Amino acid sequence: MIRPLVAGNWKMNGLKASLGEVLAVAEGVASGATGDAEMAIFPPATLLYAATVAAKGVVALGGQDCAADADGAHTGDISAEMLADLGASFVILGHSERRADHGETNEIVNAKVKAAWRAGLTPILCIGETQEERDGGQTLDVVGWQLRDSLPEGASAANLVIAYEPVWAIGTGLTPTVEDVAEVHAVIRQSLVDRLGEGAAAIRILYGGSVKPSNAAELLAVPNVNGALVGGASLNAVDFLSIAGVYKA
């Protein structure tokens, strides 16, 4: 059995008043509302330390990005070591918004994955196609080369999570069919096993892209979907807990 992970990416949202949502999620997890699912919240870096306090040790915390370097003259950057020092255990890397808005290539993401491992963090490596690529029948090719080139040697179920997020579904309210999700996740799984061996069958592969309480049960029941990377719905504790509640026995 693969323990599911439900991760909430707050993106550039949240002020100190938002910490009440973290506390509410922690209380929900402690009460058993999410079953055996592991819960993680990725607040903006400004709230990370305070969020670790509010999480009460029952919700994992992570950063939304990290620099490849450990330190140095890199104004505005945050290293993986700094995230770990604040209490993070995860970091999101290669998100489509970073790739599009900041020009992050597979090579840059590859270096950041190595940095996360160096600091003892588990990266959630994001891959996914644009609408244009999907319309052109390139989905599997795009996902394949992103996974191949963004992932360094040394990956295992103990130090890696993959998130498939079709770019056209992020924040749009649109989602692929369950058949489409199943096809892509199966290809990702097989690619991981082909490269890393049978142990890769235990690597968690999350689905992300307009996941909400109304579609969570259907999406999270798809084979090879081992949890979700949730965007907007994770900003509200009730909605976030409802999504993870799919895993409650």
Protein backbone atom coordinates (compact mmCIF):
# COMPACT_ATOMS: atom_id res chain seq x y z
CA MET A 1 0.00 0.00 0.00
CA ILE A 2 1.21 3.51 -0.87
CA ARG A 3 0.29 6.09 1.73
CA PRO A 4 -1.53 8.89 -0.11
CA LEU A 5 -0.35 12.48 0.10
CA VAL A 6 -2.68 15.47 -0.15
CA ALA A 7 -0.61 18.63 -0.57
CA GLY A 8 -1.90 22.19 -0.58
CA ASN A 9 -0.03 24.78 -2.64
CA TRP A 10 -1.02 28.23 -1.41
CA LYS A 11 1.05 29.97 -4.10
CA MET A 12 1.34 33.75 -3.51
CA ASN A 13 -1.55 33.85 -1.07
CA GLY A 14 -1.77 34.15 2.68
CA LEU A 15 -1.06 36.62 5.46
CA LYS A 16 -0.68 36.02 9.20
CA ALA A 17 -4.45 35.82 9.55
CA SER A 18 -4.39 32.78 7.26
CA LEU A 19 -2.61 30.70 9.88
CA GLY A 20 -6.00 29.85 11.33
CA GLU A 21 -6.58 27.68 8.27
CA VAL A 22 -3.41 25.71 9.05
CA LEU A 23 -4.58 25.22 12.62
CA ALA A 24 -8.00 24.08 11.42
CA VAL A 25 -6.42 21.54 9.06
CA ALA A 26 -4.22 20.26 11.89
CA GLU A 27 -7.24 19.84 14.13
CA GLY A 28 -9.09 17.99 11.37
CA VAL A 29 -6.19 15.63 10.80
CA ALA A 30 -5.87 14.99 14.54
CA SER A 31 -9.57 14.12 14.70
CA GLY A 32 -9.19 11.47 12.00
CA ALA A 33 -11.02 13.39 9.26
CA THR A 34 -8.43 12.45 6.64
CA GLY A 35 -7.88 8.79 7.44
CA ASP A 36 -4.37 7.56 6.71
CA ALA A 37 -3.57 10.30 4.18
CA GLU A 38 -0.48 12.38 4.79
CA MET A 39 -1.28 16.09 4.70
CA ALA A 40 1.13 18.83 3.70
CA ILE A 41 0.74 22.59 3.29
CA PHE A 42 2.98 24.81 1.19
CA PRO A 43 2.46 28.38 2.39
CA PRO A 44 4.43 31.38 1.13
CA ALA A 45 7.91 31.51 2.63
CA THR A 46 6.87 34.44 4.83
CA LEU A 47 4.53 32.15 6.76
CA LEU A 48 6.52 28.93 6.75
CA TYR A 49 7.94 29.04 10.28
CA ALA A 50 4.69 30.22 11.87
CA ALA A 51 2.82 27.54 9.92
CA THR A 52 5.03 24.82 11.38
CA VAL A 53 3.91 25.97 14.82
CA ALA A 54 0.23 26.05 13.84
CA ALA A 55 0.51 22.62 12.23
CA LYS A 56 1.17 21.03 15.64
CA GLY A 57 3.32 18.31 14.15
CA VAL A 58 0.41 16.55 12.44
CA VAL A 59 0.61 18.39 9.10
CA ALA A 60 3.84 18.50 7.10
CA LEU A 61 5.09 21.81 5.72
CA GLY A 62 6.99 22.62 2.57
CA GLY A 63 8.43 25.38 0.43
CA GLN A 64 7.09 26.36 -2.98
CA ASP A 65 10.54 26.55 -4.58
CA CYS A 66 14.20 26.62 -3.66
CA ALA A 67 17.47 27.80 -5.16
CA ALA A 68 20.00 25.32 -6.49
CA ASP A 69 22.79 26.87 -4.40
CA ALA A 70 23.13 26.41 -0.66
CA ASP A 71 24.14 30.01 0.00
CA GLY A 72 25.89 32.99 -1.56
CA ALA A 73 25.23 36.27 -3.32
CA HIS A 74 21.79 35.47 -4.71
CA THR A 75 19.51 38.30 -3.62
CA GLY A 76 15.94 37.20 -3.04
CA ASP A 77 16.60 33.48 -3.37
CA ILE A 78 15.85 30.94 -0.66
CA SER A 79 17.96 27.82 -0.32
CA ALA A 80 16.74 24.34 0.44
CA GLU A 81 18.77 24.47 3.64
CA MET A 82 16.87 27.60 4.72
CA LEU A 83 13.55 25.84 4.14
CA ALA A 84 14.68 22.84 6.17
CA ASP A 85 15.87 25.17 8.93
CA LEU A 86 12.34 26.62 9.16
CA GLY A 87 10.78 23.17 9.55
CA ALA A 88 9.97 22.20 5.97
CA SER A 89 10.14 18.57 4.91
CA PHE A 90 8.98 19.01 1.30
CA VAL A 91 9.54 21.45 -1.55
CA ILE A 92 7.59 21.89 -4.80
CA LEU A 93 9.90 22.04 -7.82
CA GLY A 94 9.31 22.52 -11.53
CA HIS A 95 5.77 23.86 -11.15
CA SER A 96 4.45 25.09 -14.49
CA GLU A 97 4.16 28.61 -13.10
CA ARG A 98 7.87 28.59 -12.31
CA ARG A 99 8.68 27.14 -15.71
CA ALA A 100 6.53 29.71 -17.54
CA ASP A 101 6.95 32.83 -15.39
CA HIS A 102 10.62 32.40 -14.47
CA GLY A 103 11.98 30.50 -17.46
CA GLU A 104 12.92 27.42 -15.48
CA THR A 105 14.22 24.69 -17.75
CA ASN A 106 14.41 20.98 -17.02
CA GLU A 107 18.11 21.47 -16.31
CA ILE A 108 17.40 24.12 -13.68
CA VAL A 109 14.74 21.94 -12.09
CA ASN A 110 17.18 19.01 -12.09
CA ALA A 111 19.71 21.09 -10.14
CA LYS A 112 17.04 22.14 -7.66
CA VAL A 113 16.00 18.53 -7.05
CA LYS A 114 19.61 17.77 -6.15
CA ALA A 115 19.58 20.77 -3.80
CA ALA A 116 16.45 19.49 -2.08
CA TRP A 117 18.07 16.11 -1.50
CA ARG A 118 21.22 17.82 -0.22
CA ALA A 119 19.13 19.54 2.46
CA GLY A 120 17.11 16.46 3.36
CA LEU A 121 13.90 17.67 1.72
CA THR A 122 11.56 15.58 -0.41
CA PRO A 123 10.86 17.30 -3.72
CA ILE A 124 7.46 17.21 -5.35
CA LEU A 125 8.52 17.30 -8.98
CA CYS A 126 5.83 18.78 -11.23
CA ILE A 127 5.33 17.86 -14.86
CA GLY A 128 2.51 18.56 -17.31
CA GLU A 129 1.52 19.74 -20.74
CA THR A 130 -0.01 22.98 -22.03
CA GLN A 131 -3.30 23.16 -23.92
CA GLU A 132 -1.42 23.62 -27.18
CA GLU A 133 0.69 20.53 -26.50
CA ARG A 134 -2.39 18.49 -25.59
CA ASP A 135 -4.24 19.63 -28.71
CA GLY A 136 -1.19 18.60 -30.74
CA GLY A 137 -1.23 15.08 -29.29
CA GLN A 138 2.06 15.68 -27.46
CA THR A 139 0.96 15.03 -23.88
CA LEU A 140 2.84 11.78 -23.34
CA ASP A 141 5.95 13.04 -25.12
CA VAL A 142 6.05 16.25 -23.06
CA VAL A 143 5.49 14.46 -19.78
CA GLY A 144 8.14 11.92 -20.72
CA TRP A 145 10.92 14.36 -21.50
CA GLN A 146 10.12 16.59 -18.55
CA LEU A 147 10.37 13.59 -16.24
CA ARG A 148 13.52 12.27 -17.88
CA ASP A 149 15.44 15.55 -17.94
CA SER A 150 14.22 17.07 -14.65
CA LEU A 151 14.98 14.01 -12.51
CA PRO A 152 18.58 13.33 -11.45
CA GLU A 153 19.98 9.91 -10.70
CA GLY A 154 19.37 8.64 -7.20
CA ALA A 155 15.58 8.96 -7.01
CA SER A 156 13.54 6.51 -4.96
CA ALA A 157 10.20 6.20 -3.20
CA ALA A 158 11.90 7.51 -0.07
CA ASN A 159 13.04 10.81 -1.55
CA LEU A 160 10.68 11.73 -4.39
CA VAL A 161 7.06 12.58 -5.17
CA ILE A 162 5.84 13.27 -8.70
CA ALA A 163 2.90 15.57 -9.48
CA TYR A 164 1.18 15.48 -12.85
CA GLU A 165 -0.47 18.84 -13.42
CA PRO A 166 -1.84 19.54 -16.90
CA VAL A 167 -1.09 23.25 -17.26
CA TRP A 168 -4.43 23.97 -18.91
CA ALA A 169 -6.30 22.60 -15.88
CA ILE A 170 -4.55 24.68 -13.20
CA GLY A 171 -6.94 27.24 -11.77
CA THR A 172 -9.29 27.01 -14.76
CA GLY A 173 -11.94 24.72 -13.35
CA LEU A 174 -11.22 22.32 -16.21
CA THR A 175 -10.04 18.77 -15.59
CA PRO A 176 -9.06 15.93 -17.90
CA THR A 177 -11.24 12.86 -17.99
CA VAL A 178 -10.46 10.05 -15.58
CA GLU A 179 -9.38 8.00 -18.61
CA ASP A 180 -6.87 10.70 -19.58
CA VAL A 181 -5.53 10.90 -16.03
CA ALA A 182 -5.24 7.12 -15.85
CA GLU A 183 -3.32 6.99 -19.14
CA VAL A 184 -0.80 9.66 -18.14
CA HIS A 185 -0.25 8.29 -14.64
CA ALA A 186 0.27 4.79 -16.02
CA VAL A 187 2.91 6.11 -18.42
CA ILE A 188 4.63 8.02 -15.62
CA ARG A 189 4.64 4.90 -13.44
CA GLN A 190 6.07 2.74 -16.19
CA SER A 191 8.72 5.33 -17.01
CA LEU A 192 9.80 5.44 -13.37
CA VAL A 193 9.97 1.64 -13.13
CA ASP A 194 11.88 1.36 -16.40
CA ARG A 195 14.46 3.84 -15.18
CA LEU A 196 14.67 3.10 -11.46
CA GLY A 197 13.57 -0.50 -11.10
CA GLU A 198 10.64 -2.17 -9.36
CA GLY A 199 11.07 -0.01 -6.26
CA ALA A 200 9.68 2.89 -8.29
CA ALA A 201 6.28 1.22 -8.10
CA ALA A 202 6.04 2.78 -4.64
CA ILE A 203 6.80 6.38 -5.68
CA ARG A 204 3.79 8.58 -5.04
CA ILE A 205 2.31 10.22 -8.14
CA LEU A 206 -0.11 13.04 -7.36
CA TYR A 207 -2.70 14.55 -9.66
CA GLY A 208 -3.06 18.33 -9.68
CA GLY A 209 -5.23 20.74 -11.62
CA SER A 210 -8.56 22.12 -10.34
CA VAL A 211 -8.94 19.43 -7.68
CA LYS A 212 -11.90 20.31 -5.47
CA PRO A 213 -14.32 18.56 -3.11
CA SER A 214 -16.78 17.87 -5.93
CA ASN A 215 -14.33 15.88 -8.08
CA ALA A 216 -11.82 14.56 -5.55
CA ALA A 217 -13.40 11.14 -5.04
CA GLU A 218 -13.43 10.41 -8.76
CA LEU A 219 -9.90 11.65 -9.43
CA LEU A 220 -8.28 10.06 -6.40
CA ALA A 221 -9.78 6.67 -7.24
CA VAL A 222 -7.88 6.51 -10.55
CA PRO A 223 -5.15 3.82 -10.65
CA ASN A 224 -1.64 5.18 -9.97
CA VAL A 225 -3.06 8.38 -8.46
CA ASN A 226 -1.60 8.44 -4.96
CA GLY A 227 -2.95 11.76 -3.78
CA ALA A 228 -3.41 15.32 -4.97
CA LEU A 229 -1.58 18.61 -5.32
CA VAL A 230 -4.33 21.09 -4.55
CA GLY A 231 -4.26 24.79 -5.40
CA GLY A 232 -7.08 27.19 -4.59
CA ALA A 233 -9.15 24.70 -2.59
CA SER A 234 -6.27 24.28 -0.11
CA LEU A 235 -6.67 27.87 1.09
CA ASN A 236 -9.89 26.87 2.84
CA ALA A 237 -9.50 24.29 5.58
CA VAL A 238 -13.01 22.89 5.13
CA ASP A 239 -12.50 22.28 1.41
CA PHE A 240 -8.97 20.93 1.87
CA LEU A 241 -10.06 18.50 4.56
CA SER A 242 -13.03 17.45 2.43
CA ILE A 243 -10.70 16.51 -0.42
CA ALA A 244 -8.49 14.44 1.88
CA GLY A 245 -11.58 12.99 3.51
CA VAL A 246 -11.88 10.71 0.49
CA TYR A 247 -9.28 8.55 2.25
CA LYS A 248 -11.25 8.27 5.50
CA ALA A 249 -12.22 4.65 6.07
